[in-house]
Amino acid sequence: MNEAIQQVGVVVPHYGDPAPTRDLVASLIGQALSIVVVDDGSPEPLAPISGASVVRREVNGGFGAAVNTGMARLPTELALILNSDLEIGPTFVADLLAAAAPWQPVVASPQVTTLDGDPEWVGRHFPTIGHQVIEWLTPLARFRHLPRLHEAVGHDTRAVGDAVVPVDWVVGAAVLVPVAAFRAVGGFDERYFMNAEEVDLQRRLRGLGIPSVVLGTVSVVHRGGGSSDPARSRQWLVASRLQYARTWGGLRRLQMALAGASAVNLCANVSRRALRRPVRPVDVLREELRLIQGRGAGHAAARPPSPAGVPTDTEQDLPCER
């Protein structure tokens, strides 16, 4: 095993369907010194996997809690955190390590693509109230294909194709991090159940002078939906953003701004209703206000076992989704 591989271990949070996790581990064999799979309280415990250490959490704590459990068991200098629903090539880890070497210590992500080969928005700007208000506005959803709107909701549109670009933060589907720095800042904040934990972590790491970089010369395929329940995904997303605002400031201003955006959505939905579109404007408003106020957004309930996508009531592009 070469010296570079001896420096890196892999953490794979798992929940639900074991098939994608097993496929990923099979692809990782020989590419890293150690592989830790963390079963985050799945209804059916994950059976042992050859070539990996399987750790069972009895309580379903979410993405950050699962990663923290795995990181505590890594003996390596670097950690590669991978969603269980990824497809990687036979030299993926070595390619990522080589691309990241000039930047170390760094938080690095490859270019993530869909099964169809479309790039996902890996590089992001630190969230602002403006980003979240633009995203919340239903009338703008029809323009989400425009680069200007992607920038307006916080996507860093420089990080496309094979570009190698320093960004404010990278999404957590596939991310390389220095273990010592991760531990120095306390790892992921487990108050986030799903979404926003990676931007919170990278803001804290930035305080140690560690940048975040998109390494577009390396890519990975994201099947999608391996860690999300469509019935609760938007609730988790909004709850995470409220927690982020509590931590970094501006919670009340964010809630007021989103409530104003919901009033705009109400007017738009009333117009759509007049055109006989299948929408219930008052019900949508009530649901949006419930989410904004943080009611019913706790994460005590476990995720259902079946993987699924992340649809939303407003067809918005959600920049923190995995």
Protein backbone atom coordinates (compact mmCIF):
# COMPACT_ATOMS: atom_id res chain seq x y z
CA MET A 1 0.00 0.00 0.00
CA ASN A 2 1.49 3.34 -1.02
CA GLU A 3 2.24 6.17 1.40
CA ALA A 4 -0.62 8.39 0.22
CA ILE A 5 -3.24 5.71 0.83
CA GLN A 6 -1.82 5.07 4.31
CA GLN A 7 -2.71 8.67 5.17
CA VAL A 8 -6.44 8.41 4.39
CA GLY A 9 -9.40 6.64 5.93
CA VAL A 10 -13.02 6.68 4.79
CA VAL A 11 -16.21 7.29 6.76
CA VAL A 12 -19.52 6.24 5.18
CA PRO A 13 -22.73 7.16 7.06
CA HIS A 14 -25.40 4.54 6.39
CA TYR A 15 -29.15 4.38 6.80
CA GLY A 16 -31.69 2.04 5.21
CA ASP A 17 -31.00 0.10 2.03
CA PRO A 18 -27.69 -1.80 2.42
CA ALA A 19 -27.08 -2.36 -1.31
CA PRO A 20 -25.58 1.07 -2.22
CA THR A 21 -23.37 1.00 0.90
CA ARG A 22 -22.06 -2.46 0.06
CA ASP A 23 -21.40 -1.43 -3.54
CA LEU A 24 -19.48 1.64 -2.39
CA VAL A 25 -17.36 -0.32 0.09
CA ALA A 26 -16.54 -2.88 -2.60
CA SER A 27 -15.28 -0.03 -4.80
CA LEU A 28 -13.18 1.38 -1.94
CA ILE A 29 -11.29 -1.81 -1.08
CA GLY A 30 -7.58 -1.17 -1.57
CA GLN A 31 -8.05 2.59 -2.02
CA ALA A 32 -7.77 3.60 1.66
CA LEU A 33 -6.10 2.40 4.85
CA SER A 34 -9.38 1.99 6.72
CA ILE A 35 -13.09 2.11 5.93
CA VAL A 36 -15.61 2.81 8.69
CA VAL A 37 -19.31 2.41 7.93
CA VAL A 38 -21.59 3.94 10.54
CA ASP A 39 -25.09 2.47 10.71
CA ASP A 40 -27.09 5.43 12.02
CA GLY A 41 -29.78 3.44 13.81
CA SER A 42 -31.32 1.80 10.73
CA PRO A 43 -34.53 -0.17 11.43
CA GLU A 44 -32.66 -3.25 10.18
CA PRO A 45 -29.09 -3.31 11.50
CA LEU A 46 -26.44 -3.37 8.81
CA ALA A 47 -24.74 -6.76 8.59
CA PRO A 48 -20.92 -6.97 8.63
CA ILE A 49 -19.21 -5.94 5.38
CA SER A 50 -15.95 -7.54 4.31
CA GLY A 51 -13.16 -4.98 4.21
CA ALA A 52 -14.88 -2.43 6.44
CA SER A 53 -15.51 -1.81 10.10
CA VAL A 54 -19.26 -1.49 10.72
CA VAL A 55 -20.27 0.58 13.74
CA ARG A 56 -23.88 0.62 14.91
CA ARG A 57 -25.44 3.70 16.50
CA GLU A 58 -28.55 2.81 18.47
CA VAL A 59 -29.96 6.34 18.16
CA ASN A 60 -30.60 7.90 14.76
CA GLY A 61 -28.69 11.18 15.07
CA GLY A 62 -28.37 12.34 11.48
CA PHE A 63 -25.47 12.89 9.10
CA GLY A 64 -23.16 14.85 11.39
CA ALA A 65 -23.59 12.54 14.37
CA ALA A 66 -22.90 9.49 12.21
CA VAL A 67 -19.74 11.04 10.75
CA ASN A 68 -18.49 12.05 14.20
CA THR A 69 -18.89 8.45 15.34
CA GLY A 70 -16.84 7.21 12.40
CA MET A 71 -14.18 9.92 12.64
CA ALA A 72 -13.45 8.94 16.24
CA ARG A 73 -12.28 5.56 14.95
CA LEU A 74 -9.97 6.68 12.15
CA PRO A 75 -6.19 6.27 12.66
CA THR A 76 -5.30 8.38 9.63
CA GLU A 77 -4.22 11.97 8.96
CA LEU A 78 -6.93 12.54 6.35
CA ALA A 79 -10.56 11.49 6.24
CA LEU A 80 -12.75 11.07 3.19
CA ILE A 81 -16.43 11.41 4.06
CA LEU A 82 -18.65 9.78 1.45
CA ASN A 83 -22.39 9.50 1.06
CA SER A 84 -23.45 5.89 0.78
CA ASP A 85 -25.17 6.53 -2.57
CA LEU A 86 -22.01 7.40 -4.53
CA GLU A 87 -20.36 5.56 -7.39
CA ILE A 88 -16.58 5.89 -7.58
CA GLY A 89 -13.89 4.77 -10.00
CA PRO A 90 -10.95 2.42 -9.22
CA THR A 91 -8.47 5.31 -8.74
CA PHE A 92 -10.86 7.85 -7.24
CA VAL A 93 -9.17 8.16 -3.84
CA ALA A 94 -5.65 8.39 -5.25
CA ASP A 95 -6.77 10.95 -7.83
CA LEU A 96 -8.45 13.09 -5.16
CA LEU A 97 -5.43 12.93 -2.86
CA ALA A 98 -3.12 13.98 -5.69
CA ALA A 99 -5.35 16.88 -6.69
CA ALA A 100 -5.67 18.05 -3.08
CA ALA A 101 -1.96 17.73 -2.20
CA PRO A 102 -0.94 21.29 -3.27
CA TRP A 103 -3.71 22.74 -1.10
CA GLN A 104 -3.19 20.79 2.12
CA PRO A 105 -4.45 21.25 4.77
CA VAL A 106 -7.76 21.73 2.98
CA VAL A 107 -11.42 20.75 2.81
CA ALA A 108 -11.76 19.40 -0.72
CA SER A 109 -14.59 18.07 -2.84
CA PRO A 110 -14.49 16.47 -6.28
CA GLN A 111 -16.97 17.47 -8.94
CA VAL A 112 -20.18 15.58 -8.15
CA THR A 113 -22.40 14.55 -11.04
CA THR A 114 -25.80 12.92 -11.37
CA LEU A 115 -26.34 9.53 -12.97
CA ASP A 116 -27.05 11.42 -16.21
CA GLY A 117 -23.69 13.17 -16.01
CA ASP A 118 -25.04 16.59 -15.07
CA PRO A 119 -22.83 18.49 -12.59
CA GLU A 120 -24.23 19.30 -9.16
CA TRP A 121 -23.54 22.62 -7.47
CA VAL A 122 -20.65 21.59 -5.25
CA GLY A 123 -19.13 24.99 -4.53
CA ARG A 124 -21.19 27.46 -2.51
CA HIS A 125 -21.07 30.96 -1.05
CA PHE A 126 -21.60 31.32 2.68
CA PRO A 127 -25.37 31.59 3.20
CA THR A 128 -26.97 35.00 3.48
CA ILE A 129 -30.54 36.02 4.21
CA GLY A 130 -30.76 37.24 0.63
CA HIS A 131 -29.84 33.81 -0.73
CA GLN A 132 -32.53 32.16 1.31
CA VAL A 133 -35.23 34.70 0.50
CA ILE A 134 -34.60 34.39 -3.25
CA GLU A 135 -34.78 30.62 -2.94
CA TRP A 136 -38.02 30.81 -0.94
CA LEU A 137 -39.85 32.82 -3.59
CA THR A 138 -42.05 30.47 -5.60
CA PRO A 139 -42.42 32.83 -8.63
CA LEU A 140 -38.68 32.60 -9.27
CA ALA A 141 -38.59 28.80 -9.49
CA ARG A 142 -39.25 28.91 -13.24
CA PHE A 143 -35.95 30.78 -13.73
CA ARG A 144 -33.80 28.37 -11.74
CA HIS A 145 -31.91 27.28 -14.89
CA LEU A 146 -30.34 30.75 -15.23
CA PRO A 147 -26.76 31.22 -13.93
CA ARG A 148 -27.71 34.54 -12.33
CA LEU A 149 -30.37 32.86 -10.22
CA HIS A 150 -27.93 30.14 -9.17
CA GLU A 151 -25.59 32.84 -7.88
CA ALA A 152 -28.53 34.56 -6.20
CA VAL A 153 -29.30 31.45 -4.12
CA GLY A 154 -25.65 30.93 -3.13
CA HIS A 155 -24.18 28.63 -5.78
CA ASP A 156 -20.63 29.51 -6.81
CA THR A 157 -20.96 29.30 -10.59
CA ARG A 158 -17.18 29.39 -11.08
CA ALA A 159 -17.00 25.81 -9.77
CA VAL A 160 -18.16 24.02 -12.89
CA GLY A 161 -16.66 21.41 -15.17
CA ASP A 162 -13.01 20.64 -14.45
CA ALA A 163 -12.31 23.94 -12.68
CA VAL A 164 -10.17 23.92 -9.54
CA VAL A 165 -11.59 26.75 -7.45
CA PRO A 166 -11.33 27.92 -3.82
CA VAL A 167 -14.87 28.52 -2.55
CA ASP A 168 -16.55 29.48 0.71
CA TRP A 169 -17.72 25.92 1.32
CA VAL A 170 -18.34 22.62 -0.43
CA VAL A 171 -21.28 20.26 -0.07
CA GLY A 172 -20.78 17.15 2.01
CA ALA A 173 -21.57 14.35 -0.43
CA ALA A 174 -17.87 13.62 -0.94
CA VAL A 175 -15.39 15.65 1.06
CA LEU A 176 -11.76 15.24 2.12
CA VAL A 177 -10.85 16.79 5.50
CA PRO A 178 -7.77 16.88 7.74
CA VAL A 179 -8.56 14.77 10.79
CA ALA A 180 -6.60 16.84 13.34
CA ALA A 181 -8.34 20.07 12.31
CA PHE A 182 -11.75 18.35 12.28
CA ARG A 183 -11.17 17.21 15.86
CA ALA A 184 -9.73 20.58 16.91
CA VAL A 185 -13.00 22.37 16.09
CA GLY A 186 -15.14 19.65 17.68
CA GLY A 187 -16.30 17.92 14.51
CA PHE A 188 -19.82 18.33 13.18
CA ASP A 189 -22.33 20.15 15.38
CA GLU A 190 -24.88 17.43 16.12
CA ARG A 191 -27.69 19.94 16.57
CA TYR A 192 -27.98 19.79 12.79
CA PHE A 193 -29.81 16.63 11.78
CA MET A 194 -29.61 16.87 8.00
CA ASN A 195 -28.23 19.81 5.95
CA ALA A 196 -26.14 22.86 6.90
CA GLU A 197 -23.76 20.90 9.14
CA GLU A 198 -21.02 21.03 6.50
CA VAL A 199 -21.15 24.81 6.02
CA ASP A 200 -21.11 25.30 9.80
CA LEU A 201 -18.04 23.03 10.06
CA GLN A 202 -16.21 24.81 7.25
CA ARG A 203 -16.83 28.23 8.79
CA ARG A 204 -15.19 26.97 11.96
CA LEU A 205 -12.31 25.43 10.02
CA ARG A 206 -11.82 28.71 8.18
CA GLY A 207 -11.01 30.18 11.58
CA LEU A 208 -7.99 27.86 11.60
CA GLY A 209 -6.99 29.09 8.15
CA ILE A 210 -8.14 25.97 6.32
CA PRO A 211 -9.68 26.72 2.91
CA SER A 212 -12.35 24.85 0.97
CA VAL A 213 -11.68 23.89 -2.65
CA VAL A 214 -13.59 22.25 -5.49
CA LEU A 215 -11.32 19.88 -7.41
CA GLY A 216 -13.14 19.60 -10.70
CA THR A 217 -10.43 17.42 -12.25
CA VAL A 218 -11.76 14.53 -10.16
CA SER A 219 -15.38 13.40 -10.30
CA VAL A 220 -17.81 11.10 -8.54
CA VAL A 221 -21.35 10.02 -9.40
CA HIS A 222 -24.14 10.76 -6.93
CA ARG A 223 -27.15 8.49 -7.28
CA GLY A 224 -29.08 10.75 -4.91
CA GLY A 225 -31.61 10.24 -2.17
CA GLY A 226 -29.72 7.72 -0.08
CA SER A 227 -30.05 9.75 3.10
CA SER A 228 -33.30 11.63 2.69
CA ASP A 229 -37.00 11.09 3.36
CA PRO A 230 -39.16 13.15 0.97
CA ALA A 231 -41.91 13.56 3.57
CA ARG A 232 -39.57 15.42 5.94
CA SER A 233 -36.68 16.68 3.83
CA ARG A 234 -37.88 20.28 3.56
CA GLN A 235 -38.62 20.38 7.28
CA TRP A 236 -35.08 19.18 8.04
CA LEU A 237 -33.66 21.71 5.60
CA VAL A 238 -35.45 24.70 7.11
CA ALA A 239 -34.75 23.54 10.68
CA SER A 240 -31.04 23.30 9.84
CA ARG A 241 -31.00 26.79 8.38
CA LEU A 242 -32.71 28.18 11.46
CA GLN A 243 -30.07 26.46 13.60
CA TYR A 244 -27.33 27.94 11.41
CA ALA A 245 -28.83 31.41 11.95
CA ARG A 246 -28.96 30.82 15.71
CA THR A 247 -25.28 29.90 15.69
CA TRP A 248 -23.95 32.59 13.37
CA GLY A 249 -26.50 35.37 13.96
CA GLY A 250 -29.57 36.77 12.26
CA LEU A 251 -32.26 34.27 13.25
CA ARG A 252 -35.01 36.84 13.80
CA ARG A 253 -34.11 38.75 10.63
CA LEU A 254 -34.13 35.52 8.63
CA GLN A 255 -37.56 34.53 9.94
CA MET A 256 -39.02 37.95 9.19
CA ALA A 257 -37.54 37.98 5.68
CA LEU A 258 -38.86 34.50 4.90
CA ALA A 259 -42.29 35.45 6.23
CA GLY A 260 -42.29 38.42 3.84
CA ALA A 261 -41.35 36.07 0.99
CA SER A 262 -44.23 33.80 1.99
CA ALA A 263 -46.61 36.76 1.62
CA VAL A 264 -45.33 37.18 -1.94
CA ASN A 265 -45.84 33.45 -2.51
CA LEU A 266 -49.41 33.78 -1.25
CA CYS A 267 -50.18 36.45 -3.84
CA ALA A 268 -48.60 34.34 -6.59
CA ASN A 269 -50.53 31.25 -5.52
CA VAL A 270 -53.81 33.16 -5.41
CA SER A 271 -53.18 34.14 -9.02
CA ARG A 272 -52.34 30.56 -9.92
CA ARG A 273 -55.51 29.38 -8.19
CA ALA A 274 -57.53 31.88 -10.26
CA LEU A 275 -56.07 30.20 -13.33
CA ARG A 276 -57.35 26.86 -11.95
CA ARG A 277 -53.94 25.54 -11.02
CA PRO A 278 -54.03 22.76 -8.37
CA VAL A 279 -52.72 24.87 -5.49
CA ARG A 280 -54.15 25.75 -2.06
CA PRO A 281 -52.71 29.20 -1.28
CA VAL A 282 -53.76 29.42 2.37
CA ASP A 283 -52.59 25.89 3.16
CA VAL A 284 -49.23 26.58 1.53
CA LEU A 285 -48.88 29.81 3.54
CA ARG A 286 -49.69 28.04 6.80
CA GLU A 287 -47.12 25.31 6.09
CA GLU A 288 -44.42 27.83 5.18
CA LEU A 289 -45.06 29.85 8.34
CA ARG A 290 -44.97 26.67 10.42
CA LEU A 291 -41.55 25.83 9.00
CA ILE A 292 -40.25 29.38 9.45
CA GLN A 293 -41.33 29.40 13.09
CA GLY A 294 -39.56 26.08 13.65
CA ARG A 295 -42.64 24.22 14.82
CA GLY A 296 -42.42 20.46 14.54
CA ALA A 297 -38.91 20.62 13.12
CA GLY A 298 -37.10 18.51 15.68
CA HIS A 299 -35.12 15.47 14.61
CA ALA A 300 -36.13 12.93 17.22
CA ALA A 301 -38.06 10.80 14.75
CA ALA A 302 -35.95 8.37 12.80
CA ARG A 303 -35.76 8.41 9.04
CA PRO A 304 -37.88 5.87 7.18
CA PRO A 305 -35.78 3.13 5.62
CA SER A 306 -36.58 3.62 1.95
CA PRO A 307 -34.27 6.02 0.08
CA ALA A 308 -35.92 8.72 -1.97
CA GLY A 309 -35.35 12.05 -3.65
CA VAL A 310 -35.81 15.52 -2.19
CA PRO A 311 -38.86 17.19 -3.73
CA THR A 312 -40.13 20.46 -2.30
CA ASP A 313 -43.47 22.20 -2.20
CA THR A 314 -42.14 25.13 -4.22
CA GLU A 315 -39.93 23.28 -6.72
CA GLN A 316 -36.96 25.25 -5.47
CA ASP A 317 -33.31 24.30 -5.86
CA LEU A 318 -32.11 23.63 -2.35
CA PRO A 319 -28.43 24.41 -1.94
CA CYS A 320 -27.76 22.33 1.14
CA GLU A 321 -29.38 19.11 0.05
CA ARG A 322 -27.46 15.88 -0.25
